[in-house]
Amino acid sequence: LVGFYLFFCGCYDLMFGKNHFFIFLYIQAFAFFIMAFGYVGTF
């Protein structure tokens, strides 16, 4: 859920923002998605 929230904020910043903050938001959202699906460490 937090990953989707960050991804939404990144899309909003990409369309309407001026500070290129979406770069951080997309990368952090991707990190949350990796954690959400358990692709960290050894399974």
All heavy atoms as atom14 arrays in JSON, in Angstrom:
{
  "sequence": "LVGFYLFFCGCYDLMFGKNHFFIFLYIQAFAFFIMAFGYVGTF",
  "atom14_mask": [
    [1, 1, 1, 1, 1, 1, 1, 1, 0, 0, 0, 0, 0, 0],
    [1, 1, 1, 1, 1, 1, 1, 0, 0, 0, 0, 0, 0, 0],
    [1, 1, 1, 1, 0, 0, 0, 0, 0, 0, 0, 0, 0, 0],
    [1, 1, 1, 1, 1, 1, 1, 1, 1, 1, 1, 0, 0, 0],
    [1, 1, 1, 1, 1, 1, 1, 1, 1, 1, 1, 1, 0, 0],
    [1, 1, 1, 1, 1, 1, 1, 1, 0, 0, 0, 0, 0, 0],
    [1, 1, 1, 1, 1, 1, 1, 1, 1, 1, 1, 0, 0, 0],
    [1, 1, 1, 1, 1, 1, 1, 1, 1, 1, 1, 0, 0, 0],
    [1, 1, 1, 1, 1, 1, 0, 0, 0, 0, 0, 0, 0, 0],
    [1, 1, 1, 1, 0, 0, 0, 0, 0, 0, 0, 0, 0, 0],
    [1, 1, 1, 1, 1, 1, 0, 0, 0, 0, 0, 0, 0, 0],
    [1, 1, 1, 1, 1, 1, 1, 1, 1, 1, 1, 1, 0, 0],
    [1, 1, 1, 1, 1, 1, 1, 1, 0, 0, 0, 0, 0, 0],
    [1, 1, 1, 1, 1, 1, 1, 1, 0, 0, 0, 0, 0, 0],
    [1, 1, 1, 1, 1, 1, 1, 1, 0, 0, 0, 0, 0, 0],
    [1, 1, 1, 1, 1, 1, 1, 1, 1, 1, 1, 0, 0, 0],
    [1, 1, 1, 1, 0, 0, 0, 0, 0, 0, 0, 0, 0, 0],
    [1, 1, 1, 1, 1, 1, 1, 1, 1, 0, 0, 0, 0, 0],
    [1, 1, 1, 1, 1, 1, 1, 1, 0, 0, 0, 0, 0, 0],
    [1, 1, 1, 1, 1, 1, 1, 1, 1, 1, 0, 0, 0, 0],
    [1, 1, 1, 1, 1, 1, 1, 1, 1, 1, 1, 0, 0, 0],
    [1, 1, 1, 1, 1, 1, 1, 1, 1, 1, 1, 0, 0, 0],
    [1, 1, 1, 1, 1, 1, 1, 1, 0, 0, 0, 0, 0, 0],
    [1, 1, 1, 1, 1, 1, 1, 1, 1, 1, 1, 0, 0, 0],
    [1, 1, 1, 1, 1, 1, 1, 1, 0, 0, 0, 0, 0, 0],
    [1, 1, 1, 1, 1, 1, 1, 1, 1, 1, 1, 1, 0, 0],
    [1, 1, 1, 1, 1, 1, 1, 1, 0, 0, 0, 0, 0, 0],
    [1, 1, 1, 1, 1, 1, 1, 1, 1, 0, 0, 0, 0, 0],
    [1, 1, 1, 1, 1, 0, 0, 0, 0, 0, 0, 0, 0, 0],
    [1, 1, 1, 1, 1, 1, 1, 1, 1, 1, 1, 0, 0, 0],
    [1, 1, 1, 1, 1, 0, 0, 0, 0, 0, 0, 0, 0, 0],
    [1, 1, 1, 1, 1, 1, 1, 1, 1, 1, 1, 0, 0, 0],
    [1, 1, 1, 1, 1, 1, 1, 1, 1, 1, 1, 0, 0, 0],
    [1, 1, 1, 1, 1, 1, 1, 1, 0, 0, 0, 0, 0, 0],
    [1, 1, 1, 1, 1, 1, 1, 1, 0, 0, 0, 0, 0, 0],
    [1, 1, 1, 1, 1, 0, 0, 0, 0, 0, 0, 0, 0, 0],
    [1, 1, 1, 1, 1, 1, 1, 1, 1, 1, 1, 0, 0, 0],
    [1, 1, 1, 1, 0, 0, 0, 0, 0, 0, 0, 0, 0, 0],
    [1, 1, 1, 1, 1, 1, 1, 1, 1, 1, 1, 1, 0, 0],
    [1, 1, 1, 1, 1, 1, 1, 0, 0, 0, 0, 0, 0, 0],
    [1, 1, 1, 1, 0, 0, 0, 0, 0, 0, 0, 0, 0, 0],
    [1, 1, 1, 1, 1, 1, 1, 0, 0, 0, 0, 0, 0, 0],
    [1, 1, 1, 1, 1, 1, 1, 1, 1, 1, 1, 0, 0, 0]
  ],
  "atom14_positions": [
    [[0.82, -1.21, 0.0], [0.0, 0.0, 0.0], [0.86, 1.26, 0.0], [0.56, 2.22, -0.73], [-0.93, -0.01, 1.22], [-2.05, -1.05, 1.21], [-2.79, -1.04, 2.55], [-3.02, -0.79, 0.07], [0.0, 0.0, 0.0], [0.0, 0.0, 0.0], [0.0, 0.0, 0.0], [0.0, 0.0, 0.0], [0.0, 0.0, 0.0], [0.0, 0.0, 0.0]],
    [[1.93, 1.27, 0.81], [2.81, 2.44, 0.84], [3.52, 2.59, -0.51], [3.71, 3.71, -1.0], [3.83, 2.32, 1.98], [4.84, 3.47, 1.93], [3.14, 2.32, 3.33], [0.0, 0.0, 0.0], [0.0, 0.0, 0.0], [0.0, 0.0, 0.0], [0.0, 0.0, 0.0], [0.0, 0.0, 0.0], [0.0, 0.0, 0.0], [0.0, 0.0, 0.0]],
    [[3.88, 1.47, -1.13], [4.5, 1.53, -2.46], [3.58, 2.16, -3.49], [4.0, 3.02, -4.28], [0.0, 0.0, 0.0], [0.0, 0.0, 0.0], [0.0, 0.0, 0.0], [0.0, 0.0, 0.0], [0.0, 0.0, 0.0], [0.0, 0.0, 0.0], [0.0, 0.0, 0.0], [0.0, 0.0, 0.0], [0.0, 0.0, 0.0], [0.0, 0.0, 0.0]],
    [[2.29, 1.79, -3.46], [1.32, 2.4, -4.39], [1.13, 3.88, -4.09], [0.98, 4.7, -5.01], [-0.02, 1.67, -4.3], [-0.07, 0.4, -5.11], [-0.39, -0.81, -4.49], [0.22, 0.4, -6.46], [-0.43, -1.99, -5.23], [0.18, -0.77, -7.21], [-0.14, -1.96, -6.59], [0.0, 0.0, 0.0], [0.0, 0.0, 0.0], [0.0, 0.0, 0.0]],
    [[1.14, 4.25, -2.81], [1.02, 5.66, -2.42], [2.2, 6.47, -2.97], [2.0, 7.55, -3.56], [0.96, 5.76, -0.9], [1.14, 7.16, -0.36], [0.15, 8.12, -0.49], [2.32, 7.51, 0.29], [0.33, 9.41, 0.01], [2.51, 8.78, 0.81], [1.52, 9.73, 0.66], [1.69, 11.0, 1.15], [0.0, 0.0, 0.0], [0.0, 0.0, 0.0]],
    [[3.41, 5.97, -2.81], [4.59, 6.66, -3.32], [4.57, 6.73, -4.84], [4.96, 7.74, -5.44], [5.86, 5.96, -2.83], [6.13, 6.03, -1.33], [7.29, 5.14, -0.94], [6.4, 7.45, -0.88], [0.0, 0.0, 0.0], [0.0, 0.0, 0.0], [0.0, 0.0, 0.0], [0.0, 0.0, 0.0], [0.0, 0.0, 0.0], [0.0, 0.0, 0.0]],
    [[4.12, 5.65, -5.48], [4.05, 5.63, -6.94], [3.04, 6.67, -7.44], [3.3, 7.37, -8.43], [3.65, 4.23, -7.42], [3.68, 4.07, -8.9], [4.88, 3.89, -9.58], [2.5, 4.09, -9.64], [4.91, 3.75, -10.95], [2.51, 3.95, -11.02], [3.72, 3.77, -11.68], [0.0, 0.0, 0.0], [0.0, 0.0, 0.0], [0.0, 0.0, 0.0]],
    [[1.9, 6.78, -6.76], [0.9, 7.78, -7.13], [1.48, 9.19, -6.99], [1.32, 10.04, -7.88], [-0.35, 7.63, -6.26], [-1.27, 8.81, -6.32], [-2.1, 9.0, -7.42], [-1.3, 9.75, -5.29], [-2.95, 10.1, -7.49], [-2.14, 10.85, -5.35], [-2.97, 11.02, -6.46], [0.0, 0.0, 0.0], [0.0, 0.0, 0.0], [0.0, 0.0, 0.0]],
    [[2.16, 9.45, -5.87], [2.76, 10.77, -5.66], [3.82, 11.05, -6.72], [3.95, 12.19, -7.19], [3.38, 10.85, -4.26], [2.17, 10.83, -2.91], [0.0, 0.0, 0.0], [0.0, 0.0, 0.0], [0.0, 0.0, 0.0], [0.0, 0.0, 0.0], [0.0, 0.0, 0.0], [0.0, 0.0, 0.0], [0.0, 0.0, 0.0], [0.0, 0.0, 0.0]],
    [[4.57, 10.02, -7.13], [5.57, 10.19, -8.18], [4.94, 10.54, -9.5], [5.44, 11.42, -10.23], [0.0, 0.0, 0.0], [0.0, 0.0, 0.0], [0.0, 0.0, 0.0], [0.0, 0.0, 0.0], [0.0, 0.0, 0.0], [0.0, 0.0, 0.0], [0.0, 0.0, 0.0], [0.0, 0.0, 0.0], [0.0, 0.0, 0.0], [0.0, 0.0, 0.0]],
    [[3.83, 9.88, -9.84], [3.12, 10.19, -11.09], [2.56, 11.61, -11.07], [2.63, 12.34, -12.07], [1.98, 9.18, -11.31], [2.54, 7.5, -11.65], [0.0, 0.0, 0.0], [0.0, 0.0, 0.0], [0.0, 0.0, 0.0], [0.0, 0.0, 0.0], [0.0, 0.0, 0.0], [0.0, 0.0, 0.0], [0.0, 0.0, 0.0], [0.0, 0.0, 0.0]],
    [[2.04, 12.01, -9.91], [1.49, 13.37, -9.78], [2.59, 14.41, -9.96], [2.41, 15.42, -10.64], [0.83, 13.51, -8.41], [0.03, 14.79, -8.25], [-1.34, 14.79, -8.51], [0.63, 15.97, -7.84], [-2.09, 15.95, -8.35], [-0.1, 17.14, -7.69], [-1.46, 17.12, -7.95], [-2.19, 18.28, -7.81], [0.0, 0.0, 0.0], [0.0, 0.0, 0.0]],
    [[3.75, 14.14, -9.35], [4.87, 15.08, -9.46], [5.41, 15.12, -10.89], [5.81, 16.18, -11.38], [6.0, 14.67, -8.5], [7.12, 15.69, -8.46], [6.88, 16.81, -7.99], [8.23, 15.35, -8.91], [0.0, 0.0, 0.0], [0.0, 0.0, 0.0], [0.0, 0.0, 0.0], [0.0, 0.0, 0.0], [0.0, 0.0, 0.0], [0.0, 0.0, 0.0]],
    [[5.41, 13.97, -11.58], [5.88, 13.93, -12.96], [5.0, 14.79, -13.87], [5.5, 15.46, -14.78], [5.89, 12.48, -13.45], [6.34, 12.24, -14.91], [7.78, 12.7, -15.11], [6.17, 10.77, -15.27], [0.0, 0.0, 0.0], [0.0, 0.0, 0.0], [0.0, 0.0, 0.0], [0.0, 0.0, 0.0], [0.0, 0.0, 0.0], [0.0, 0.0, 0.0]],
    [[3.7, 14.8, -13.61], [2.77, 15.54, -14.46], [2.68, 17.02, -14.09], [2.57, 17.88, -14.97], [1.38, 14.9, -14.36], [1.29, 13.52, -15.01], [-0.4, 12.88, -15.04], [-0.67, 12.57, -13.29], [0.0, 0.0, 0.0], [0.0, 0.0, 0.0], [0.0, 0.0, 0.0], [0.0, 0.0, 0.0], [0.0, 0.0, 0.0], [0.0, 0.0, 0.0]],
    [[2.74, 17.33, -12.78], [2.48, 18.7, -12.36], [3.64, 19.36, -11.6], [3.61, 20.57, -11.4], [1.22, 18.74, -11.47], [0.01, 18.13, -12.11], [-0.47, 16.9, -11.66], [-0.64, 18.78, -13.15], [-1.59, 16.34, -12.25], [-1.76, 18.21, -13.73], [-2.24, 16.99, -13.29], [0.0, 0.0, 0.0], [0.0, 0.0, 0.0], [0.0, 0.0, 0.0]],
    [[4.59, 18.58, -11.15], [5.68, 19.14, -10.36], [6.78, 19.76, -11.19], [6.84, 19.59, -12.41], [0.0, 0.0, 0.0], [0.0, 0.0, 0.0], [0.0, 0.0, 0.0], [0.0, 0.0, 0.0], [0.0, 0.0, 0.0], [0.0, 0.0, 0.0], [0.0, 0.0, 0.0], [0.0, 0.0, 0.0], [0.0, 0.0, 0.0], [0.0, 0.0, 0.0]],
    [[7.68, 20.48, -10.51], [8.78, 21.17, -11.19], [10.14, 20.86, -10.58], [11.16, 21.33, -11.07], [8.56, 22.68, -11.14], [7.28, 23.14, -11.84], [7.1, 24.65, -11.73], [5.81, 25.1, -12.41], [5.62, 26.57, -12.29], [0.0, 0.0, 0.0], [0.0, 0.0, 0.0], [0.0, 0.0, 0.0], [0.0, 0.0, 0.0], [0.0, 0.0, 0.0]],
    [[10.16, 20.06, -9.5], [11.42, 19.83, -8.78], [12.03, 18.46, -9.04], [13.01, 18.09, -8.4], [11.19, 20.0, -7.28], [10.77, 21.42, -6.92], [11.26, 22.38, -7.51], [9.85, 21.55, -5.97], [0.0, 0.0, 0.0], [0.0, 0.0, 0.0], [0.0, 0.0, 0.0], [0.0, 0.0, 0.0], [0.0, 0.0, 0.0], [0.0, 0.0, 0.0]],
    [[11.45, 17.68, -9.95], [11.95, 16.34, -10.28], [12.0, 15.43, -9.06], [12.84, 14.53, -8.96], [13.34, 16.41, -10.92], [13.38, 17.28, -12.15], [12.8, 16.91, -13.34], [13.93, 18.51, -12.35], [12.99, 17.87, -14.23], [13.66, 18.85, -13.66], [0.0, 0.0, 0.0], [0.0, 0.0, 0.0], [0.0, 0.0, 0.0], [0.0, 0.0, 0.0]],
    [[11.08, 15.64, -8.12], [11.03, 14.81, -6.92], [10.57, 13.39, -7.25], [10.77, 12.47, -6.47], [10.08, 15.47, -5.9], [10.12, 14.86, -4.54], [11.31, 14.43, -3.98], [8.96, 14.71, -3.79], [11.35, 13.86, -2.71], [8.98, 14.14, -2.54], [10.18, 13.72, -2.0], [0.0, 0.0, 0.0], [0.0, 0.0, 0.0], [0.0, 0.0, 0.0]],
    [[9.95, 13.25, -8.42], [9.43, 11.93, -8.8], [10.53, 10.88, -8.93], [10.26, 9.68, -8.81], [8.65, 12.03, -10.13], [9.49, 12.43, -11.31], [10.17, 11.49, -12.05], [9.6, 13.77, -11.68], [10.95, 11.85, -13.15], [10.37, 14.14, -12.76], [11.04, 13.19, -13.5], [0.0, 0.0, 0.0], [0.0, 0.0, 0.0], [0.0, 0.0, 0.0]],
    [[11.76, 11.31, -9.15], [12.87, 10.36, -9.28], [13.02, 9.58, -7.97], [13.09, 8.34, -7.95], [14.18, 11.09, -9.64], [14.04, 11.78, -10.99], [15.36, 10.11, -9.66], [15.22, 12.64, -11.36], [0.0, 0.0, 0.0], [0.0, 0.0, 0.0], [0.0, 0.0, 0.0], [0.0, 0.0, 0.0], [0.0, 0.0, 0.0], [0.0, 0.0, 0.0]],
    [[13.08, 10.32, -6.85], [13.18, 9.66, -5.54], [11.93, 8.83, -5.25], [12.02, 7.7, -4.74], [13.37, 10.71, -4.45], [13.09, 10.2, -3.06], [13.99, 9.36, -2.42], [11.9, 10.53, -2.39], [13.73, 8.88, -1.14], [11.63, 10.06, -1.13], [12.55, 9.23, -0.49], [0.0, 0.0, 0.0], [0.0, 0.0, 0.0], [0.0, 0.0, 0.0]],
    [[10.75, 9.38, -5.57], [9.51, 8.69, -5.26], [9.38, 7.36, -6.0], [8.96, 6.36, -5.42], [8.31, 9.59, -5.59], [8.16, 10.83, -4.71], [7.06, 11.73, -5.24], [7.88, 10.44, -3.27], [0.0, 0.0, 0.0], [0.0, 0.0, 0.0], [0.0, 0.0, 0.0], [0.0, 0.0, 0.0], [0.0, 0.0, 0.0], [0.0, 0.0, 0.0]],
    [[9.76, 7.34, -7.27], [9.69, 6.1, -8.04], [10.68, 5.06, -7.5], [10.34, 3.88, -7.37], [9.99, 6.38, -9.52], [8.82, 6.94, -10.29], [9.02, 7.84, -11.33], [7.52, 6.58, -9.97], [7.96, 8.36, -12.05], [6.44, 7.1, -10.68], [6.67, 7.99, -11.72], [5.6, 8.5, -12.41], [0.0, 0.0, 0.0], [0.0, 0.0, 0.0]],
    [[11.89, 5.5, -7.18], [12.9, 4.57, -6.67], [12.48, 4.01, -5.32], [12.58, 2.8, -5.06], [14.27, 5.26, -6.56], [14.77, 5.67, -7.96], [15.29, 4.35, -5.89], [16.06, 6.47, -7.93], [0.0, 0.0, 0.0], [0.0, 0.0, 0.0], [0.0, 0.0, 0.0], [0.0, 0.0, 0.0], [0.0, 0.0, 0.0], [0.0, 0.0, 0.0]],
    [[11.96, 4.88, -4.43], [11.53, 4.41, -3.12], [10.3, 3.52, -3.23], [10.16, 2.54, -2.49], [11.24, 5.61, -2.21], [10.97, 5.24, -0.76], [12.18, 4.62, -0.08], [13.17, 5.27, 0.18], [12.11, 3.31, 0.2], [0.0, 0.0, 0.0], [0.0, 0.0, 0.0], [0.0, 0.0, 0.0], [0.0, 0.0, 0.0], [0.0, 0.0, 0.0]],
    [[9.4, 3.84, -4.15], [8.23, 2.99, -4.37], [8.65, 1.61, -4.86], [8.11, 0.58, -4.42], [7.29, 3.64, -5.4], [0.0, 0.0, 0.0], [0.0, 0.0, 0.0], [0.0, 0.0, 0.0], [0.0, 0.0, 0.0], [0.0, 0.0, 0.0], [0.0, 0.0, 0.0], [0.0, 0.0, 0.0], [0.0, 0.0, 0.0], [0.0, 0.0, 0.0]],
    [[9.64, 1.57, -5.75], [10.16, 0.3, -6.25], [10.76, -0.52, -5.11], [10.57, -1.74, -5.04], [11.21, 0.56, -7.33], [11.74, -0.68, -8.0], [10.9, -1.49, -8.75], [13.07, -1.03, -7.87], [11.37, -2.64, -9.36], [13.55, -2.17, -8.48], [12.7, -2.98, -9.22], [0.0, 0.0, 0.0], [0.0, 0.0, 0.0], [0.0, 0.0, 0.0]],
    [[11.45, 0.16, -4.17], [12.01, -0.53, -3.0], [10.9, -1.12, -2.14], [11.03, -2.25, -1.64], [12.87, 0.44, -2.19], [0.0, 0.0, 0.0], [0.0, 0.0, 0.0], [0.0, 0.0, 0.0], [0.0, 0.0, 0.0], [0.0, 0.0, 0.0], [0.0, 0.0, 0.0], [0.0, 0.0, 0.0], [0.0, 0.0, 0.0], [0.0, 0.0, 0.0]],
    [[9.81, -0.4, -1.96], [8.68, -0.92, -1.19], [8.04, -2.11, -1.9], [7.61, -3.08, -1.25], [7.64, 0.17, -0.96], [7.83, 0.92, 0.33], [8.5, 2.13, 0.36], [7.34, 0.41, 1.53], [8.68, 2.83, 1.54], [7.52, 1.09, 2.72], [8.19, 2.3, 2.73], [0.0, 0.0, 0.0], [0.0, 0.0, 0.0], [0.0, 0.0, 0.0]],
    [[7.96, -2.06, -3.23], [7.38, -3.19, -3.97], [8.25, -4.43, -3.83], [7.75, -5.55, -3.67], [7.24, -2.82, -5.45], [6.13, -1.84, -5.73], [6.27, -0.86, -6.69], [4.94, -1.91, -5.02], [5.25, 0.05, -6.94], [3.91, -1.0, -5.26], [4.07, -0.02, -6.23], [0.0, 0.0, 0.0], [0.0, 0.0, 0.0], [0.0, 0.0, 0.0]],
    [[9.57, -4.25, -3.89], [10.49, -5.38, -3.71], [10.29, -6.01, -2.33], [10.22, -7.23, -2.18], [11.95, -4.92, -3.9], [12.2, -4.54, -5.36], [12.92, -6.02, -3.48], [13.58, -3.97, -5.61], [0.0, 0.0, 0.0], [0.0, 0.0, 0.0], [0.0, 0.0, 0.0], [0.0, 0.0, 0.0], [0.0, 0.0, 0.0], [0.0, 0.0, 0.0]],
    [[10.18, -5.14, -1.3], [9.96, -5.63, 0.05], [8.59, -6.3, 0.18], [8.44, -7.34, 0.82], [10.08, -4.48, 1.05], [9.94, -4.88, 2.5], [11.38, -5.78, 3.12], [12.56, -4.43, 3.24], [0.0, 0.0, 0.0], [0.0, 0.0, 0.0], [0.0, 0.0, 0.0], [0.0, 0.0, 0.0], [0.0, 0.0, 0.0], [0.0, 0.0, 0.0]],
    [[7.58, -5.69, -0.46], [6.22, -6.22, -0.35], [6.1, -7.62, -0.91], [5.36, -8.46, -0.38], [5.26, -5.28, -1.08], [0.0, 0.0, 0.0], [0.0, 0.0, 0.0], [0.0, 0.0, 0.0], [0.0, 0.0, 0.0], [0.0, 0.0, 0.0], [0.0, 0.0, 0.0], [0.0, 0.0, 0.0], [0.0, 0.0, 0.0], [0.0, 0.0, 0.0]],
    [[6.83, -7.91, -1.99], [6.77, -9.23, -2.62], [7.86, -10.17, -2.11], [8.03, -11.27, -2.63], [6.84, -9.1, -4.13], [5.6, -8.49, -4.73], [5.6, -7.18, -5.19], [4.42, -9.21, -4.81], [4.46, -6.61, -5.72], [3.27, -8.66, -5.35], [3.29, -7.35, -5.81], [0.0, 0.0, 0.0], [0.0, 0.0, 0.0], [0.0, 0.0, 0.0]],
    [[8.6, -9.73, -1.09], [9.55, -10.62, -0.43], [10.82, -10.92, -1.19], [11.49, -11.9, -0.87], [0.0, 0.0, 0.0], [0.0, 0.0, 0.0], [0.0, 0.0, 0.0], [0.0, 0.0, 0.0], [0.0, 0.0, 0.0], [0.0, 0.0, 0.0], [0.0, 0.0, 0.0], [0.0, 0.0, 0.0], [0.0, 0.0, 0.0], [0.0, 0.0, 0.0]],
    [[11.2, -10.08, -2.15], [12.4, -10.36, -2.93], [13.62, -9.72, -2.3], [14.34, -8.93, -2.9], [12.23, -9.9, -4.38], [11.26, -10.76, -5.16], [9.97, -10.33, -5.45], [11.63, -12.04, -5.58], [9.09, -11.15, -6.14], [10.75, -12.86, -6.27], [9.49, -12.4, -6.54], [8.61, -13.2, -7.22], [0.0, 0.0, 0.0], [0.0, 0.0, 0.0]],
    [[13.84, -10.05, -1.04], [14.98, -9.55, -0.29], [15.6, -10.71, 0.45], [14.89, -11.5, 1.08], [14.57, -8.46, 0.72], [15.77, -8.0, 1.53], [13.93, -7.28, 0.02], [0.0, 0.0, 0.0], [0.0, 0.0, 0.0], [0.0, 0.0, 0.0], [0.0, 0.0, 0.0], [0.0, 0.0, 0.0], [0.0, 0.0, 0.0], [0.0, 0.0, 0.0]],
    [[16.89, -10.85, 0.37], [17.56, -11.96, 1.06], [17.32, -13.27, 0.38], [17.01, -13.36, -0.81], [0.0, 0.0, 0.0], [0.0, 0.0, 0.0], [0.0, 0.0, 0.0], [0.0, 0.0, 0.0], [0.0, 0.0, 0.0], [0.0, 0.0, 0.0], [0.0, 0.0, 0.0], [0.0, 0.0, 0.0], [0.0, 0.0, 0.0], [0.0, 0.0, 0.0]],
    [[17.43, -14.36, 1.14], [17.24, -15.7, 0.64], [15.89, -16.21, 1.1], [15.56, -16.11, 2.28], [18.34, -16.64, 1.16], [19.61, -16.12, 0.77], [18.17, -18.04, 0.59], [0.0, 0.0, 0.0], [0.0, 0.0, 0.0], [0.0, 0.0, 0.0], [0.0, 0.0, 0.0], [0.0, 0.0, 0.0], [0.0, 0.0, 0.0], [0.0, 0.0, 0.0]],
    [[15.09, -16.75, 0.19], [13.77, -17.24, 0.54], [13.83, -18.74, 0.77], [14.16, -19.51, -0.12], [12.77, -16.93, -0.58], [11.39, -17.48, -0.31], [10.67, -17.06, 0.82], [10.8, -18.4, -1.15], [9.41, -17.55, 1.08], [9.53, -18.9, -0.92], [8.83, -18.47, 0.21], [0.0, 0.0, 0.0], [0.0, 0.0, 0.0], [0.0, 0.0, 0.0]]
  ]
}
